[in-house]
Amino acid sequence: MASRQQSIASRALPLACLALAIFSRVAFDAPEHFPPAARAIFSLCAIALIFTTVFVVLHHAETIAHRIGEPYGTLVLTLAVTAIEVSIIMSMMVHDGNNPTLARESVFSTVMIVCTGVVGVCLTLGGLRHRQQDLKRQGTSAFLAVLIALSVLSLILPDYTLTDTPGSFSMPQLAFVSLLSMLLYGAFLFMQMARHRDDFVEPPALEESDPAAGHHRSSVLPNAALLLIGLLGIVLMTEHVAGTIEDGLVALQVRQADAIVGAFIATLVLLPEAASAVRAALRNELQRSLNIALGSACATIGLTIPAVAVASMLTGRELTLGLQPGDTVLLLLALTLSIISFGTGRTNMLTGLVHLVVFVAYLFLIVFP
């Protein structure tokens, strides 16, 4: 009975999330008909439904991942979640006027949440359960090399160019960096899936020990359909909730409204991948955990920056990518810490705690800049 109810919920929740998201877009087209209290209550209910649907989406994504194998399985969730973030950022960029820094804040928040928060939780819980965990240095080093190059080119270099205002690229520079990002990420995917696939997969014994591996092998197409429906519902719902939060923060004259909204978007979007990464770490599959976590950060920069750049060039809206000095320090600290943490090929609970300390500092500085 319990498994049947769970099966019904896994099918009903993505459909319910999409239906409520469509209703919200139609009903709130005339916001003057709804008092602020009604919008706030609806937003709270929407957030609860989003959180629930995220874990249902994770179930469908993991079923597909086990069916098609690694590293292709992790790419399903990574690319789907990145598509969510791109859609939300592009819609929020034109929400009630131009938001030139929202893309920067969302991408920066994604990198910080992944490299300090998600990685910190995975290493801490994995170390707590298994004392020490091993990883493949070749694959993890490849992730970090791509992540460092994309982060510096996209988020730090704009502060030091001369042909435009500080923090912004000129049109030729923006097109050039976007093209480089796409080519580099595409080359990385080729290496991960083909030429150097063995550098990114767990040893066979660990993969075969997963009890879920082979489960629901005949239900990939229904899972894929429900995954897409759930992701679409999360996209539309998060867009509405984020817009409401942004309007409220602006009304309250909060200094870093875009930073808070960017962190909110990144948190909701990353929930499926974060949960999947933590589960893998608890199963002592640290490499798969890092594939999911670091892969999401690489995909966010490699795909989001070109997408918002194209939107900026087509619409003529301003796009500010360069970080503030304090955020630059935090980003470099997170990347340097990741290099040190994964350099030995073995991690423990202390390694994770150091990442979590930086994550807490990041959260504190959002609220008290």
Protein backbone atom coordinates (compact mmCIF):
# COMPACT_ATOMS: atom_id res chain seq x y z
CA MET A 1 0.00 0.00 0.00
CA ALA A 2 2.77 2.45 0.92
CA SER A 3 4.66 1.84 -2.32
CA ARG A 4 1.44 2.29 -4.30
CA GLN A 5 0.74 5.61 -2.59
CA GLN A 6 4.30 6.70 -3.27
CA SER A 7 3.89 5.75 -6.92
CA ILE A 8 0.68 7.79 -7.16
CA ALA A 9 2.36 10.78 -5.51
CA SER A 10 5.33 10.56 -7.87
CA ARG A 11 2.93 10.92 -10.78
CA ALA A 12 0.50 13.42 -9.28
CA LEU A 13 2.89 15.98 -7.80
CA PRO A 14 4.65 17.00 -11.06
CA LEU A 15 1.25 17.44 -12.72
CA ALA A 16 -0.09 19.41 -9.74
CA CYS A 17 2.97 21.66 -9.70
CA LEU A 18 2.64 22.43 -13.40
CA ALA A 19 -1.11 23.05 -13.11
CA LEU A 20 -0.68 25.42 -10.16
CA ALA A 21 2.15 27.22 -11.95
CA ILE A 22 -0.05 27.80 -15.02
CA PHE A 23 -2.87 28.99 -12.76
CA SER A 24 -0.55 31.45 -11.01
CA ARG A 25 0.61 32.96 -14.30
CA VAL A 26 -2.98 33.43 -15.48
CA ALA A 27 -4.50 34.55 -12.18
CA PHE A 28 -1.79 37.02 -11.19
CA ASP A 29 -1.63 38.77 -14.54
CA ALA A 30 -3.85 41.36 -12.86
CA PRO A 31 -2.12 41.74 -9.46
CA GLU A 32 -4.45 44.58 -8.42
CA HIS A 33 -7.19 41.97 -7.91
CA PHE A 34 -5.14 40.20 -5.24
CA PRO A 35 -4.08 41.86 -1.96
CA PRO A 36 -0.46 41.45 -0.84
CA ALA A 37 -1.53 39.03 1.92
CA ALA A 38 -3.11 36.69 -0.64
CA ARG A 39 -0.01 36.78 -2.79
CA ALA A 40 2.20 36.05 0.24
CA ILE A 41 0.06 33.06 1.30
CA PHE A 42 0.08 31.71 -2.24
CA SER A 43 3.87 32.10 -2.40
CA LEU A 44 4.33 30.13 0.83
CA CYS A 45 2.12 27.32 -0.50
CA ALA A 46 4.01 27.43 -3.79
CA ILE A 47 7.37 27.10 -2.03
CA ALA A 48 6.11 24.05 -0.09
CA LEU A 49 4.91 22.44 -3.32
CA ILE A 50 8.20 23.24 -5.07
CA PHE A 51 10.24 21.59 -2.31
CA THR A 52 8.04 18.48 -2.44
CA THR A 53 8.12 18.27 -6.23
CA VAL A 54 11.90 18.64 -6.24
CA PHE A 55 12.32 15.32 -4.44
CA VAL A 56 9.84 13.63 -6.76
CA VAL A 57 11.80 14.95 -9.73
CA LEU A 58 14.95 13.58 -8.09
CA HIS A 59 13.35 10.11 -7.93
CA HIS A 60 12.55 10.16 -11.64
CA ALA A 61 15.99 11.51 -12.53
CA GLU A 62 17.77 8.83 -10.50
CA THR A 63 15.67 6.11 -12.12
CA ILE A 64 16.78 7.35 -15.55
CA ALA A 65 20.36 7.70 -14.36
CA HIS A 66 20.52 4.09 -13.17
CA ARG A 67 19.01 2.93 -16.44
CA ILE A 68 21.45 4.62 -18.82
CA GLY A 69 24.54 4.38 -16.58
CA GLU A 70 27.32 6.79 -15.64
CA PRO A 71 28.43 9.41 -16.45
CA TYR A 72 25.41 9.90 -18.72
CA GLY A 73 23.02 9.54 -15.80
CA THR A 74 24.32 12.52 -13.88
CA LEU A 75 24.17 14.63 -17.04
CA VAL A 76 20.40 14.09 -17.27
CA LEU A 77 19.80 15.87 -13.99
CA THR A 78 22.59 18.42 -14.49
CA LEU A 79 21.42 19.61 -17.91
CA ALA A 80 17.76 19.60 -16.90
CA VAL A 81 18.45 21.68 -13.79
CA THR A 82 20.65 24.07 -15.78
CA ALA A 83 17.79 24.55 -18.24
CA ILE A 84 15.60 25.53 -15.29
CA GLU A 85 18.06 28.13 -14.09
CA VAL A 86 18.56 29.62 -17.54
CA SER A 87 14.78 29.93 -18.00
CA ILE A 88 14.25 31.56 -14.62
CA ILE A 89 17.14 34.00 -14.99
CA MET A 90 16.09 35.09 -18.47
CA SER A 91 12.49 35.64 -17.35
CA MET A 92 13.57 37.48 -14.20
CA MET A 93 15.95 39.70 -16.17
CA VAL A 94 12.93 41.35 -17.78
CA HIS A 95 10.67 41.21 -14.72
CA ASP A 96 9.33 44.72 -14.06
CA GLY A 97 12.26 46.38 -15.76
CA ASN A 98 15.85 45.43 -16.37
CA ASN A 99 17.86 43.49 -13.75
CA PRO A 100 21.41 43.70 -15.07
CA THR A 101 23.05 41.96 -12.09
CA LEU A 102 20.59 39.08 -11.55
CA ALA A 103 22.40 36.67 -13.88
CA ARG A 104 25.70 37.43 -12.13
CA GLU A 105 24.22 36.88 -8.68
CA SER A 106 22.51 33.62 -9.70
CA VAL A 107 25.65 32.17 -11.28
CA PHE A 108 27.84 33.31 -8.39
CA SER A 109 25.38 31.88 -5.87
CA THR A 110 25.34 28.56 -7.73
CA VAL A 111 29.13 28.26 -7.65
CA MET A 112 29.33 29.21 -3.97
CA ILE A 113 26.46 26.94 -2.90
CA VAL A 114 27.95 24.01 -4.83
CA CYS A 115 31.65 24.46 -3.96
CA THR A 116 31.11 25.28 -0.29
CA GLY A 117 27.59 24.22 0.74
CA VAL A 118 26.80 21.06 -1.24
CA VAL A 119 30.40 19.82 -1.30
CA GLY A 120 30.77 20.65 2.40
CA VAL A 121 27.68 18.66 3.38
CA CYS A 122 28.71 15.71 1.19
CA LEU A 123 32.24 15.56 2.58
CA THR A 124 31.11 16.06 6.17
CA LEU A 125 28.35 13.43 6.14
CA GLY A 126 30.42 11.05 4.04
CA GLY A 127 33.38 11.42 6.38
CA LEU A 128 31.15 11.02 9.41
CA ARG A 129 29.83 7.70 8.12
CA HIS A 130 32.88 6.29 6.32
CA ARG A 131 35.76 8.15 8.08
CA GLN A 132 37.68 8.65 4.81
CA GLN A 133 36.55 8.63 1.20
CA ASP A 134 38.53 8.29 -2.01
CA LEU A 135 38.01 10.12 -5.27
CA LYS A 136 39.58 10.07 -8.73
CA ARG A 137 41.95 13.02 -8.92
CA GLN A 138 42.03 13.06 -12.73
CA GLY A 139 38.29 13.56 -13.08
CA THR A 140 37.95 15.98 -10.19
CA SER A 141 40.92 18.03 -11.41
CA ALA A 142 39.26 18.30 -14.82
CA PHE A 143 36.09 19.63 -13.19
CA LEU A 144 38.05 22.21 -11.22
CA ALA A 145 40.15 23.32 -14.21
CA VAL A 146 37.01 24.01 -16.26
CA LEU A 147 35.24 25.65 -13.32
CA ILE A 148 38.17 27.96 -12.53
CA ALA A 149 38.62 29.04 -16.15
CA LEU A 150 34.90 29.73 -16.67
CA SER A 151 34.51 31.51 -13.33
CA VAL A 152 37.44 33.87 -13.83
CA LEU A 153 36.57 34.65 -17.46
CA SER A 154 32.89 35.27 -16.74
CA LEU A 155 32.76 36.78 -13.25
CA ILE A 156 36.16 38.41 -12.55
CA LEU A 157 37.60 39.50 -15.91
CA PRO A 158 34.74 41.99 -16.62
CA ASP A 159 36.02 44.14 -13.73
CA TYR A 160 39.36 44.62 -15.49
CA THR A 161 38.46 45.25 -19.15
CA LEU A 162 38.93 48.73 -20.61
CA THR A 163 36.40 49.07 -23.44
CA ASP A 164 33.28 49.31 -21.26
CA THR A 165 32.19 50.29 -17.77
CA PRO A 166 33.74 48.21 -14.96
CA GLY A 167 31.86 44.96 -14.49
CA SER A 168 30.54 44.83 -18.04
CA PHE A 169 31.79 43.40 -21.31
CA SER A 170 31.50 45.17 -24.63
CA MET A 171 29.43 43.34 -27.25
CA PRO A 172 32.46 41.75 -28.98
CA GLN A 173 33.94 40.73 -25.62
CA LEU A 174 30.62 39.28 -24.44
CA ALA A 175 30.23 37.27 -27.65
CA PHE A 176 33.85 36.06 -27.45
CA VAL A 177 33.64 34.93 -23.81
CA SER A 178 30.27 33.26 -24.43
CA LEU A 179 31.69 31.32 -27.37
CA LEU A 180 34.72 30.27 -25.33
CA SER A 181 32.46 29.11 -22.49
CA MET A 182 30.35 26.95 -24.78
CA LEU A 183 33.36 25.44 -26.56
CA LEU A 184 35.16 24.68 -23.31
CA TYR A 185 32.10 23.09 -21.72
CA GLY A 186 31.40 21.10 -24.89
CA ALA A 187 35.00 19.82 -24.94
CA PHE A 188 34.69 18.86 -21.29
CA LEU A 189 31.50 16.88 -21.95
CA PHE A 190 33.25 15.01 -24.77
CA MET A 191 36.11 14.09 -22.46
CA GLN A 192 33.74 13.07 -19.66
CA MET A 193 31.47 10.91 -21.81
CA ALA A 194 33.91 9.47 -24.32
CA ARG A 195 37.68 9.84 -24.34
CA HIS A 196 38.31 9.86 -20.55
CA ARG A 197 35.09 8.35 -19.24
CA ASP A 198 36.91 6.12 -16.73
CA ASP A 199 38.17 9.18 -14.87
CA PHE A 200 34.62 10.08 -13.81
CA VAL A 201 33.01 6.78 -12.82
CA GLU A 202 33.02 4.84 -9.58
CA PRO A 203 34.81 1.47 -9.46
CA PRO A 204 32.54 -1.32 -10.80
CA ALA A 205 32.09 -2.90 -7.38
CA LEU A 206 30.54 0.27 -6.01
CA GLU A 207 28.27 0.77 -8.96
CA GLU A 208 26.97 -2.78 -8.82
CA SER A 209 26.34 -2.57 -5.08
CA ASP A 210 23.68 0.07 -5.54
CA PRO A 211 20.35 -1.67 -4.86
CA ALA A 212 18.44 0.78 -7.02
CA ALA A 213 20.49 0.01 -10.11
CA GLY A 214 18.17 -1.98 -12.37
CA HIS A 215 15.02 -0.81 -10.66
CA HIS A 216 12.21 0.21 -13.02
CA ARG A 217 14.29 -0.43 -16.12
CA SER A 218 11.15 -0.63 -18.25
CA SER A 219 9.77 2.74 -17.09
CA VAL A 220 12.31 5.16 -18.51
CA LEU A 221 9.93 6.96 -20.88
CA PRO A 222 7.24 7.65 -18.23
CA ASN A 223 9.96 8.79 -15.84
CA ALA A 224 11.41 11.08 -18.49
CA ALA A 225 7.99 12.59 -19.20
CA LEU A 226 7.25 13.16 -15.51
CA LEU A 227 10.76 14.58 -15.03
CA LEU A 228 10.18 17.18 -17.75
CA ILE A 229 6.69 18.03 -16.45
CA GLY A 230 7.99 18.45 -12.92
CA LEU A 231 10.92 20.58 -14.03
CA LEU A 232 8.65 22.81 -16.11
CA GLY A 233 6.32 23.27 -13.15
CA ILE A 234 9.26 24.14 -10.89
CA VAL A 235 10.53 26.67 -13.46
CA LEU A 236 7.20 28.48 -13.76
CA MET A 237 6.47 28.36 -10.04
CA THR A 238 9.93 29.54 -8.99
CA GLU A 239 9.72 32.40 -11.46
CA HIS A 240 6.50 33.60 -9.82
CA VAL A 241 7.78 33.17 -6.26
CA ALA A 242 11.12 34.85 -7.04
CA GLY A 243 9.31 37.80 -8.62
CA THR A 244 7.16 38.20 -5.50
CA ILE A 245 10.23 38.03 -3.25
CA GLU A 246 12.08 40.56 -5.38
CA ASP A 247 9.15 43.01 -5.27
CA GLY A 248 8.96 42.64 -1.49
CA LEU A 249 12.69 43.20 -1.01
CA VAL A 250 12.62 46.29 -3.20
CA ALA A 251 9.64 47.65 -1.25
CA LEU A 252 11.57 47.09 1.98
CA GLN A 253 14.61 48.85 0.43
CA VAL A 254 16.91 45.89 1.04
CA ARG A 255 20.39 46.73 -0.23
CA GLN A 256 21.22 43.40 -1.87
CA ALA A 257 17.84 42.39 -3.27
CA ASP A 258 19.35 40.83 -6.43
CA ALA A 259 21.88 38.86 -4.36
CA ILE A 260 19.15 37.41 -2.14
CA VAL A 261 16.91 36.58 -5.09
CA GLY A 262 19.86 35.03 -6.94
CA ALA A 263 20.69 32.87 -3.91
CA PHE A 264 17.03 31.86 -3.60
CA ILE A 265 16.82 30.82 -7.25
CA ALA A 266 20.08 28.89 -7.04
CA THR A 267 18.98 27.10 -3.86
CA LEU A 268 15.66 25.91 -5.26
CA VAL A 269 17.17 24.96 -8.61
CA LEU A 270 20.03 23.01 -6.99
CA LEU A 271 17.88 21.05 -4.54
CA PRO A 272 17.49 17.92 -6.74
CA GLU A 273 21.22 17.77 -7.47
CA ALA A 274 22.17 18.54 -3.87
CA ALA A 275 19.97 15.73 -2.54
CA SER A 276 21.31 13.31 -5.13
CA ALA A 277 24.92 14.27 -4.35
CA VAL A 278 24.41 13.80 -0.60
CA ARG A 279 22.83 10.38 -1.13
CA ALA A 280 25.77 9.29 -3.27
CA ALA A 281 28.25 10.47 -0.62
CA LEU A 282 26.39 8.54 2.08
CA ARG A 283 26.64 5.42 -0.12
CA ASN A 284 30.41 6.00 -0.26
CA GLU A 285 30.20 7.00 -3.93
CA LEU A 286 32.14 10.22 -3.54
CA GLN A 287 33.16 10.49 -7.19
CA ARG A 288 29.56 10.31 -8.34
CA SER A 289 28.66 12.86 -5.68
CA LEU A 290 31.31 15.26 -6.99
CA ASN A 291 30.27 14.58 -10.59
CA ILE A 292 26.79 15.81 -9.73
CA ALA A 293 27.86 18.78 -7.62
CA LEU A 294 30.77 20.13 -9.65
CA GLY A 295 29.02 19.25 -12.90
CA SER A 296 26.14 21.54 -12.00
CA ALA A 297 28.52 24.44 -11.34
CA CYS A 298 30.34 23.92 -14.65
CA ALA A 299 27.08 23.62 -16.57
CA THR A 300 25.68 26.75 -14.92
CA ILE A 301 28.55 28.94 -16.11
CA GLY A 302 29.16 27.12 -19.39
CA LEU A 303 25.52 27.33 -20.50
CA THR A 304 23.88 30.13 -18.50
CA ILE A 305 26.37 32.86 -19.39
CA PRO A 306 26.05 32.29 -23.17
CA ALA A 307 22.24 32.11 -22.89
CA VAL A 308 21.86 35.37 -20.98
CA ALA A 309 24.48 36.97 -23.24
CA VAL A 310 22.40 36.15 -26.31
CA ALA A 311 19.30 37.49 -24.56
CA SER A 312 21.15 40.68 -23.65
CA MET A 313 22.40 41.22 -27.19
CA LEU A 314 19.00 40.55 -28.76
CA THR A 315 17.01 42.74 -26.35
CA GLY A 316 19.61 45.45 -25.83
CA ARG A 317 19.35 45.12 -22.06
CA GLU A 318 22.37 45.82 -19.90
CA LEU A 319 24.23 42.83 -18.45
CA THR A 320 26.63 43.24 -15.53
CA LEU A 321 28.78 40.17 -14.84
CA GLY A 322 31.74 41.47 -12.83
CA LEU A 323 31.62 40.64 -9.12
CA GLN A 324 32.00 43.07 -6.26
CA PRO A 325 35.42 42.94 -4.51
CA GLY A 326 34.11 41.00 -1.51
CA ASP A 327 32.39 38.42 -3.71
CA THR A 328 35.57 38.05 -5.76
CA VAL A 329 37.50 37.17 -2.60
CA LEU A 330 34.87 34.58 -1.61
CA LEU A 331 34.88 33.01 -5.08
CA LEU A 332 38.67 32.72 -5.19
CA LEU A 333 38.65 31.32 -1.65
CA ALA A 334 36.10 28.65 -2.58
CA LEU A 335 37.99 27.63 -5.73
CA THR A 336 41.37 27.53 -3.96
CA LEU A 337 39.91 25.51 -1.12
CA SER A 338 38.48 23.00 -3.61
CA ILE A 339 41.89 22.53 -5.23
CA ILE A 340 43.48 21.80 -1.84
CA SER A 341 40.64 19.57 -0.62
CA PHE A 342 40.67 17.27 -3.65
CA GLY A 343 44.40 17.37 -4.37
CA THR A 344 45.27 14.33 -2.26
CA GLY A 345 42.52 12.11 -3.67
CA ARG A 346 41.13 11.45 -0.17
CA THR A 347 38.76 13.47 2.03
CA ASN A 348 37.43 13.32 5.57
CA MET A 349 34.98 15.15 7.82
CA LEU A 350 37.40 18.01 8.56
CA THR A 351 37.67 18.76 4.86
CA GLY A 352 33.91 19.14 4.67
CA LEU A 353 33.75 21.35 7.75
CA VAL A 354 36.20 23.81 6.22
CA HIS A 355 33.96 24.12 3.15
CA LEU A 356 30.94 24.67 5.38
CA VAL A 357 32.72 27.49 7.26
CA VAL A 358 33.18 29.37 3.98
CA PHE A 359 29.55 28.66 3.07
CA VAL A 360 28.32 30.16 6.35
CA ALA A 361 30.48 33.24 5.71
CA TYR A 362 28.92 33.58 2.26
CA LEU A 363 25.40 33.43 3.72
CA PHE A 364 26.25 35.92 6.45
CA LEU A 365 27.66 38.44 3.99
CA ILE A 366 24.53 38.29 1.85
CA VAL A 367 22.43 39.48 4.76
CA PHE A 368 25.09 41.78 6.28
CA PRO A 369 27.23 42.98 3.34
